Amino acid sequence: MTSTEDKNTDVHAATAATDGEAKHAAAEDIARQHQTYDSAEDETQGDDFAGEIARLEAEKADLTDRLVRTVAEMENLRRRTERDVADARRYAVTKFAGDMLTVGDNLRRALEALPADTRSAADEGLKALLDGVEMTARELDRTLAKHGIQVIAAEGERFDPNRHQAMFEIPNADVPNGTVMQVMQAGYTIGDRVLRAAMVGVSRGGPKADAAGGAKDQSAAAQS
């Protein structure tokens, strides 16, 4: 081999080496570009996933809140319905009961209209009639009580405008002021409602009653 051929061989070898290095560098550059693109794509997808997760969590929280509210509303509705049904049952007889109170009043007036001495001197027929009226009045009271209709406590109690109707005043310096001293007509409640207020006479001029039960206690002490 001549010197010229040796030089050509060296040139070809150098060129080949240079081409190989260039191709290798280009391949590495392409790989780096792909890696950068993949990393950017992964980061973008990660952001998308994070946003979707946040959206789903917010939607879940909203649905949970709505569910809790709906359950609470349904529970309140159930309680209101039960209360309305119970009230309807309890107070369905209100008007009828009010009419029956008038019947009871008339029975008691009939008994009170006959003086005690006249009753004791009455013949057996009249006594039997009076006994029958008394039994009827008692049975009426028991029937009313069975349906939740109770007599309002009045005599000796402190006057309560929600349960008592003052018809007149009775001057009395010994009895605490505002004490019910006389009942003209009994009052009644049905459940927790006043069916009819008691018609009463109330004391005036006595010491002031300090407590709700003071009037009754002091009145009893004064009478003893």
C-alpha atoms as a PDB file:
ATOM      1  CA  MET A   1       0.000   0.000   0.000  1.00  0.00           C
ATOM      2  CA  THR A   2       1.271   3.438  -0.981  1.00  0.00           C
ATOM      3  CA  SER A   3       1.360   6.483   1.200  1.00  0.00           C
ATOM      4  CA  THR A   4      -1.537   7.980  -0.753  1.00  0.00           C
ATOM      5  CA  GLU A   5      -3.662   4.980  -0.082  1.00  0.00           C
ATOM      6  CA  ASP A   6      -2.756   5.111   3.580  1.00  0.00           C
ATOM      7  CA  LYS A   7      -3.875   8.707   3.759  1.00  0.00           C
ATOM      8  CA  ASN A   8      -7.154   7.908   2.034  1.00  0.00           C
ATOM      9  CA  THR A   9      -7.735   5.086   4.447  1.00  0.00           C
ATOM     10  CA  ASP A  10      -7.116   7.375   7.398  1.00  0.00           C
ATOM     11  CA  VAL A  11      -9.479   9.986   5.970  1.00  0.00           C
ATOM     12  CA  HIS A  12     -12.215   7.415   5.470  1.00  0.00           C
ATOM     13  CA  ALA A  13     -11.696   6.092   8.957  1.00  0.00           C
ATOM     14  CA  ALA A  14     -11.850   9.584  10.461  1.00  0.00           C
ATOM     15  CA  THR A  15     -14.933  10.396   8.431  1.00  0.00           C
ATOM     16  CA  ALA A  16     -16.611   7.189   9.525  1.00  0.00           C
ATOM     17  CA  ALA A  17     -15.756   7.894  13.124  1.00  0.00           C
ATOM     18  CA  THR A  18     -17.111  11.396  12.836  1.00  0.00           C
ATOM     19  CA  ASP A  19     -20.303  10.141  11.197  1.00  0.00           C
ATOM     20  CA  GLY A  20     -20.730   7.542  13.908  1.00  0.00           C
ATOM     21  CA  GLU A  21     -20.300  10.098  16.627  1.00  0.00           C
ATOM     22  CA  ALA A  22     -22.755  12.427  14.923  1.00  0.00           C
ATOM     23  CA  LYS A  23     -25.328   9.670  14.567  1.00  0.00           C
ATOM     24  CA  HIS A  24     -24.836   8.679  18.187  1.00  0.00           C
ATOM     25  CA  ALA A  25     -25.210  12.281  19.316  1.00  0.00           C
ATOM     26  CA  ALA A  26     -28.310  12.684  17.183  1.00  0.00           C
ATOM     27  CA  ALA A  27     -29.786   9.521  18.656  1.00  0.00           C
ATOM     28  CA  GLU A  28     -29.071  10.748  22.163  1.00  0.00           C
ATOM     29  CA  ASP A  29     -30.638  14.105  21.343  1.00  0.00           C
ATOM     30  CA  ILE A  30     -33.759  12.414  19.993  1.00  0.00           C
ATOM     31  CA  ALA A  31     -33.939  10.225  23.095  1.00  0.00           C
ATOM     32  CA  ARG A  32     -33.625  13.289  25.309  1.00  0.00           C
ATOM     33  CA  GLN A  33     -36.394  15.007  23.378  1.00  0.00           C
ATOM     34  CA  HIS A  34     -38.659  11.969  23.755  1.00  0.00           C
ATOM     35  CA  GLN A  35     -37.849  11.791  27.442  1.00  0.00           C
ATOM     36  CA  THR A  36     -38.626  15.486  27.894  1.00  0.00           C
ATOM     37  CA  TYR A  37     -41.892  15.082  25.985  1.00  0.00           C
ATOM     38  CA  ASP A  38     -42.860  12.011  27.997  1.00  0.00           C
ATOM     39  CA  SER A  39     -42.090  13.833  31.241  1.00  0.00           C
ATOM     40  CA  ALA A  40     -44.159  16.823  30.185  1.00  0.00           C
ATOM     41  CA  GLU A  41     -47.000  14.538  29.103  1.00  0.00           C
ATOM     42  CA  ASP A  42     -46.852  12.627  32.403  1.00  0.00           C
ATOM     43  CA  GLU A  43     -46.899  15.908  34.321  1.00  0.00           C
ATOM     44  CA  THR A  44     -49.887  17.129  32.311  1.00  0.00           C
ATOM     45  CA  GLN A  45     -51.734  13.866  32.892  1.00  0.00           C
ATOM     46  CA  GLY A  46     -50.890  14.066  36.591  1.00  0.00           C
ATOM     47  CA  ASP A  47     -52.360  17.549  36.791  1.00  0.00           C
ATOM     48  CA  ASP A  48     -55.464  16.342  34.968  1.00  0.00           C
ATOM     49  CA  PHE A  49     -55.855  13.414  37.376  1.00  0.00           C
ATOM     50  CA  ALA A  50     -55.388  15.688  40.402  1.00  0.00           C
ATOM     51  CA  GLY A  51     -58.020  18.073  39.082  1.00  0.00           C
ATOM     52  CA  GLU A  52     -60.436  15.223  38.404  1.00  0.00           C
ATOM     53  CA  ILE A  53     -59.884  13.808  41.897  1.00  0.00           C
ATOM     54  CA  ALA A  54     -60.510  17.232  43.448  1.00  0.00           C
ATOM     55  CA  ARG A  55     -63.692  17.612  41.403  1.00  0.00           C
ATOM     56  CA  LEU A  56     -64.946  14.173  42.420  1.00  0.00           C
ATOM     57  CA  GLU A  57     -64.159  14.820  46.080  1.00  0.00           C
ATOM     58  CA  ALA A  58     -66.061  18.124  45.943  1.00  0.00           C
ATOM     59  CA  GLU A  59     -68.991  16.387  44.255  1.00  0.00           C
ATOM     60  CA  LYS A  60     -68.912  13.650  46.895  1.00  0.00           C
ATOM     61  CA  ALA A  61     -68.923  16.236  49.710  1.00  0.00           C
ATOM     62  CA  ASP A  62     -71.870  18.032  48.103  1.00  0.00           C
ATOM     63  CA  LEU A  63     -73.838  14.800  47.675  1.00  0.00           C
ATOM     64  CA  THR A  64     -73.050  13.766  51.255  1.00  0.00           C
ATOM     65  CA  ASP A  65     -74.270  17.137  52.538  1.00  0.00           C
ATOM     66  CA  ARG A  66     -77.465  16.830  50.497  1.00  0.00           C
ATOM     67  CA  LEU A  67     -78.016  13.304  51.796  1.00  0.00           C
ATOM     68  CA  VAL A  68     -77.571  14.398  55.414  1.00  0.00           C
ATOM     69  CA  ARG A  69     -79.973  17.300  54.902  1.00  0.00           C
ATOM     70  CA  THR A  70     -82.531  15.054  53.207  1.00  0.00           C
ATOM     71  CA  VAL A  71     -82.355  12.497  56.027  1.00  0.00           C
ATOM     72  CA  ALA A  72     -82.781  15.280  58.609  1.00  0.00           C
ATOM     73  CA  GLU A  73     -85.758  16.725  56.723  1.00  0.00           C
ATOM     74  CA  MET A  74     -87.363  13.291  56.453  1.00  0.00           C
ATOM     75  CA  GLU A  75     -86.877  12.715  60.190  1.00  0.00           C
ATOM     76  CA  ASN A  76     -88.431  16.100  60.985  1.00  0.00           C
ATOM     77  CA  LEU A  77     -91.323  15.318  58.648  1.00  0.00           C
ATOM     78  CA  ARG A  78     -91.836  11.953  60.350  1.00  0.00           C
ATOM     79  CA  ARG A  79     -91.916  13.578  63.784  1.00  0.00           C
ATOM     80  CA  ARG A  80     -94.313  16.303  62.643  1.00  0.00           C
ATOM     81  CA  THR A  81     -96.573  13.703  61.073  1.00  0.00           C
ATOM     82  CA  GLU A  82     -96.587  11.594  64.240  1.00  0.00           C
ATOM     83  CA  ARG A  83     -97.330  14.689  66.331  1.00  0.00           C
ATOM     84  CA  ASP A  84    -100.131  15.783  64.005  1.00  0.00           C
ATOM     85  CA  VAL A  85    -101.663  12.303  64.064  1.00  0.00           C
ATOM     86  CA  ALA A  86    -101.424  12.165  67.870  1.00  0.00           C
ATOM     87  CA  ASP A  87    -102.985  15.631  68.170  1.00  0.00           C
ATOM     88  CA  ALA A  88    -105.751  14.678  65.755  1.00  0.00           C
ATOM     89  CA  ARG A  89    -106.556  11.627  67.866  1.00  0.00           C
ATOM     90  CA  ARG A  90    -106.277  13.496  71.153  1.00  0.00           C
ATOM     91  CA  TYR A  91    -108.318  16.532  70.158  1.00  0.00           C
ATOM     92  CA  ALA A  92    -110.797  14.920  67.770  1.00  0.00           C
ATOM     93  CA  VAL A  93    -113.397  14.816  70.550  1.00  0.00           C
ATOM     94  CA  THR A  94    -112.897  18.448  71.588  1.00  0.00           C
ATOM     95  CA  LYS A  95    -116.242  19.764  70.339  1.00  0.00           C
ATOM     96  CA  PHE A  96    -118.131  16.693  71.513  1.00  0.00           C
ATOM     97  CA  ALA A  97    -116.442  16.914  74.909  1.00  0.00           C
ATOM     98  CA  GLY A  98    -117.400  20.580  75.188  1.00  0.00           C
ATOM     99  CA  ASP A  99    -121.018  19.670  74.550  1.00  0.00           C
ATOM    100  CA  MET A 100    -120.846  16.908  77.153  1.00  0.00           C
ATOM    101  CA  LEU A 101    -119.555  19.375  79.739  1.00  0.00           C
ATOM    102  CA  THR A 102    -122.838  21.231  79.396  1.00  0.00           C
ATOM    103  CA  VAL A 103    -124.694  17.991  80.096  1.00  0.00           C
ATOM    104  CA  GLY A 104    -122.613  17.479  83.232  1.00  0.00           C
ATOM    105  CA  ASP A 105    -123.263  21.062  84.329  1.00  0.00           C
ATOM    106  CA  ASN A 106    -127.007  20.533  84.029  1.00  0.00           C
ATOM    107  CA  LEU A 107    -126.856  17.317  86.047  1.00  0.00           C
ATOM    108  CA  ARG A 108    -124.950  19.049  88.842  1.00  0.00           C
ATOM    109  CA  ARG A 109    -127.292  22.049  88.803  1.00  0.00           C
ATOM    110  CA  ALA A 110    -130.241  19.697  89.166  1.00  0.00           C
ATOM    111  CA  LEU A 111    -128.641  18.115  92.233  1.00  0.00           C
ATOM    112  CA  GLU A 112    -127.655  21.467  93.756  1.00  0.00           C
ATOM    113  CA  ALA A 113    -131.148  22.874  93.222  1.00  0.00           C
ATOM    114  CA  LEU A 114    -132.541  20.483  95.820  1.00  0.00           C
ATOM    115  CA  PRO A 115    -131.558  21.486  99.385  1.00  0.00           C
ATOM    116  CA  ALA A 116    -129.978  18.835 101.588  1.00  0.00           C
ATOM    117  CA  ASP A 117    -132.852  18.831 104.088  1.00  0.00           C
ATOM    118  CA  THR A 118    -135.364  18.325 101.299  1.00  0.00           C
ATOM    119  CA  ARG A 119    -133.360  15.414  99.972  1.00  0.00           C
ATOM    120  CA  SER A 120    -133.192  13.773 103.384  1.00  0.00           C
ATOM    121  CA  ALA A 121    -136.968  14.098 103.773  1.00  0.00           C
ATOM    122  CA  ALA A 122    -137.735  12.916 100.238  1.00  0.00           C
ATOM    123  CA  ASP A 123    -139.579   9.679  99.618  1.00  0.00           C
ATOM    124  CA  GLU A 124    -137.846   6.594  98.280  1.00  0.00           C
ATOM    125  CA  GLY A 125    -138.801   7.316  94.693  1.00  0.00           C
ATOM    126  CA  LEU A 126    -137.234  10.780  94.704  1.00  0.00           C
ATOM    127  CA  LYS A 127    -134.147   9.509  96.517  1.00  0.00           C
ATOM    128  CA  ALA A 128    -133.701   6.812  93.894  1.00  0.00           C
ATOM    129  CA  LEU A 129    -134.026   9.434  91.166  1.00  0.00           C
ATOM    130  CA  LEU A 130    -131.422  11.672  92.805  1.00  0.00           C
ATOM    131  CA  ASP A 131    -129.071   8.725  93.296  1.00  0.00           C
ATOM    132  CA  GLY A 132    -129.428   7.925  89.606  1.00  0.00           C
ATOM    133  CA  VAL A 133    -128.595  11.507  88.636  1.00  0.00           C
ATOM    134  CA  GLU A 134    -125.502  11.445  90.873  1.00  0.00           C
ATOM    135  CA  MET A 135    -124.357   8.136  89.385  1.00  0.00           C
ATOM    136  CA  THR A 136    -124.855   9.516  85.884  1.00  0.00           C
ATOM    137  CA  ALA A 137    -122.796  12.617  86.706  1.00  0.00           C
ATOM    138  CA  ARG A 138    -119.974  10.499  88.169  1.00  0.00           C
ATOM    139  CA  GLU A 139    -120.008   8.147  85.193  1.00  0.00           C
ATOM    140  CA  LEU A 140    -119.825  11.119  82.846  1.00  0.00           C
ATOM    141  CA  ASP A 141    -116.766  12.428  84.706  1.00  0.00           C
ATOM    142  CA  ARG A 142    -115.084   9.001  84.494  1.00  0.00           C
ATOM    143  CA  THR A 143    -115.801   8.783  80.777  1.00  0.00           C
ATOM    144  CA  LEU A 144    -114.365  12.240  80.174  1.00  0.00           C
ATOM    145  CA  ALA A 145    -111.251  11.365  82.189  1.00  0.00           C
ATOM    146  CA  LYS A 146    -110.819   8.185  80.146  1.00  0.00           C
ATOM    147  CA  HIS A 147    -110.464  10.387  77.058  1.00  0.00           C
ATOM    148  CA  GLY A 148    -107.910  12.712  78.644  1.00  0.00           C
ATOM    149  CA  ILE A 149    -110.371  15.353  79.863  1.00  0.00           C
ATOM    150  CA  GLN A 150    -109.473  16.454  83.379  1.00  0.00           C
ATOM    151  CA  VAL A 151    -110.943  18.935  85.866  1.00  0.00           C
ATOM    152  CA  ILE A 152    -108.819  22.056  86.376  1.00  0.00           C
ATOM    153  CA  ALA A 153    -107.688  22.518  89.978  1.00  0.00           C
ATOM    154  CA  ALA A 154    -109.100  25.830  91.145  1.00  0.00           C
ATOM    155  CA  GLU A 155    -110.255  26.366  94.730  1.00  0.00           C
ATOM    156  CA  GLY A 156    -107.354  27.381  96.973  1.00  0.00           C
ATOM    157  CA  GLU A 157    -105.041  27.784  93.976  1.00  0.00           C
ATOM    158  CA  ARG A 158    -103.376  30.978  92.862  1.00  0.00           C
ATOM    159  CA  PHE A 159    -105.375  32.616  90.076  1.00  0.00           C
ATOM    160  CA  ASP A 160    -104.073  31.611  86.640  1.00  0.00           C
ATOM    161  CA  PRO A 161    -105.548  33.654  83.765  1.00  0.00           C
ATOM    162  CA  ASN A 162    -104.739  30.828  81.372  1.00  0.00           C
ATOM    163  CA  ARG A 163    -106.893  28.340  83.300  1.00  0.00           C
ATOM    164  CA  HIS A 164    -109.244  30.454  85.405  1.00  0.00           C
ATOM    165  CA  GLN A 165    -111.831  33.074  84.471  1.00  0.00           C
ATOM    166  CA  ALA A 166    -112.389  35.599  87.271  1.00  0.00           C
ATOM    167  CA  MET A 167    -116.086  36.404  87.601  1.00  0.00           C
ATOM    168  CA  PHE A 168    -115.924  38.496  90.787  1.00  0.00           C
ATOM    169  CA  GLU A 169    -113.637  39.462  93.666  1.00  0.00           C
ATOM    170  CA  ILE A 170    -114.023  38.518  97.312  1.00  0.00           C
ATOM    171  CA  PRO A 171    -112.527  40.991  99.823  1.00  0.00           C
ATOM    172  CA  ASN A 172    -110.525  39.075 102.412  1.00  0.00           C
ATOM    173  CA  ALA A 173    -107.523  40.436 104.307  1.00  0.00           C
ATOM    174  CA  ASP A 174    -106.456  37.019 105.592  1.00  0.00           C
ATOM    175  CA  VAL A 175    -106.212  35.157 102.293  1.00  0.00           C
ATOM    176  CA  PRO A 176    -103.330  35.934  99.898  1.00  0.00           C
ATOM    177  CA  ASN A 177    -104.367  38.286  97.145  1.00  0.00           C
ATOM    178  CA  GLY A 178    -105.335  36.506  93.927  1.00  0.00           C
ATOM    179  CA  THR A 179    -106.382  33.226  95.532  1.00  0.00           C
ATOM    180  CA  VAL A 180    -109.318  31.331  94.044  1.00  0.00           C
ATOM    181  CA  MET A 181    -111.880  31.179  96.840  1.00  0.00           C
ATOM    182  CA  GLN A 182    -114.989  30.002  95.027  1.00  0.00           C
ATOM    183  CA  VAL A 183    -115.686  27.967  91.885  1.00  0.00           C
ATOM    184  CA  MET A 184    -118.881  28.825  90.042  1.00  0.00           C
ATOM    185  CA  GLN A 185    -118.278  26.441  87.162  1.00  0.00           C
ATOM    186  CA  ALA A 186    -115.603  23.761  86.876  1.00  0.00           C
ATOM    187  CA  GLY A 187    -112.965  24.093  84.177  1.00  0.00           C
ATOM    188  CA  TYR A 188    -111.482  21.270  82.111  1.00  0.00           C
ATOM    189  CA  THR A 189    -108.395  20.484  80.061  1.00  0.00           C
ATOM    190  CA  ILE A 190    -108.014  18.068  77.167  1.00  0.00           C
ATOM    191  CA  GLY A 191    -104.439  16.919  76.779  1.00  0.00           C
ATOM    192  CA  ASP A 192    -102.336  20.033  77.304  1.00  0.00           C
ATOM    193  CA  ARG A 193    -105.041  22.427  76.096  1.00  0.00           C
ATOM    194  CA  VAL A 194    -107.696  24.242  78.097  1.00  0.00           C
ATOM    195  CA  LEU A 195    -111.084  22.965  77.008  1.00  0.00           C
ATOM    196  CA  ARG A 196    -112.940  25.368  79.270  1.00  0.00           C
ATOM    197  CA  ALA A 197    -111.603  27.793  81.860  1.00  0.00           C
ATOM    198  CA  ALA A 198    -112.948  27.530  85.388  1.00  0.00           C
ATOM    199  CA  MET A 199    -115.265  30.383  86.401  1.00  0.00           C
ATOM    200  CA  VAL A 200    -114.068  31.521  89.813  1.00  0.00           C
ATOM    201  CA  GLY A 201    -114.228  34.143  92.530  1.00  0.00           C
ATOM    202  CA  VAL A 202    -110.834  35.566  93.507  1.00  0.00           C
ATOM    203  CA  SER A 203    -109.674  37.052  96.809  1.00  0.00           C
ATOM    204  CA  ARG A 204    -108.711  40.713  97.080  1.00  0.00           C
ATOM    205  CA  GLY A 205    -107.035  42.757  99.814  1.00  0.00           C
ATOM    206  CA  GLY A 206    -104.908  40.040 101.407  1.00  0.00           C
ATOM    207  CA  PRO A 207    -101.112  39.673 101.513  1.00  0.00           C
ATOM    208  CA  LYS A 208     -99.258  39.233  98.259  1.00  0.00           C
ATOM    209  CA  ALA A 209     -98.628  35.629  97.209  1.00  0.00           C
ATOM    210  CA  ASP A 210     -94.902  35.198  96.492  1.00  0.00           C
ATOM    211  CA  ALA A 211     -94.847  31.777  94.875  1.00  0.00           C
ATOM    212  CA  ALA A 212     -97.152  29.793  92.644  1.00  0.00           C
ATOM    213  CA  GLY A 213     -98.071  27.470  95.468  1.00  0.00           C
ATOM    214  CA  GLY A 214     -97.980  30.111  98.193  1.00  0.00           C
ATOM    215  CA  ALA A 215    -101.588  31.143  97.847  1.00  0.00           C
ATOM    216  CA  LYS A 216    -102.890  27.649  98.464  1.00  0.00           C
ATOM    217  CA  ASP A 217    -100.571  26.992 101.407  1.00  0.00           C
ATOM    218  CA  GLN A 218    -101.273  30.323 103.129  1.00  0.00           C
ATOM    219  CA  SER A 219    -105.008  30.027 102.478  1.00  0.00           C
ATOM    220  CA  ALA A 220    -105.072  26.614 104.149  1.00  0.00           C
ATOM    221  CA  ALA A 221    -103.099  27.974 107.096  1.00  0.00           C
ATOM    222  CA  ALA A 222    -105.488  30.922 107.496  1.00  0.00           C
ATOM    223  CA  GLN A 223    -108.531  28.659 107.427  1.00  0.00           C
ATOM    224  CA  SER A 224    -107.025  26.333 110.028  1.00  0.00           C
END
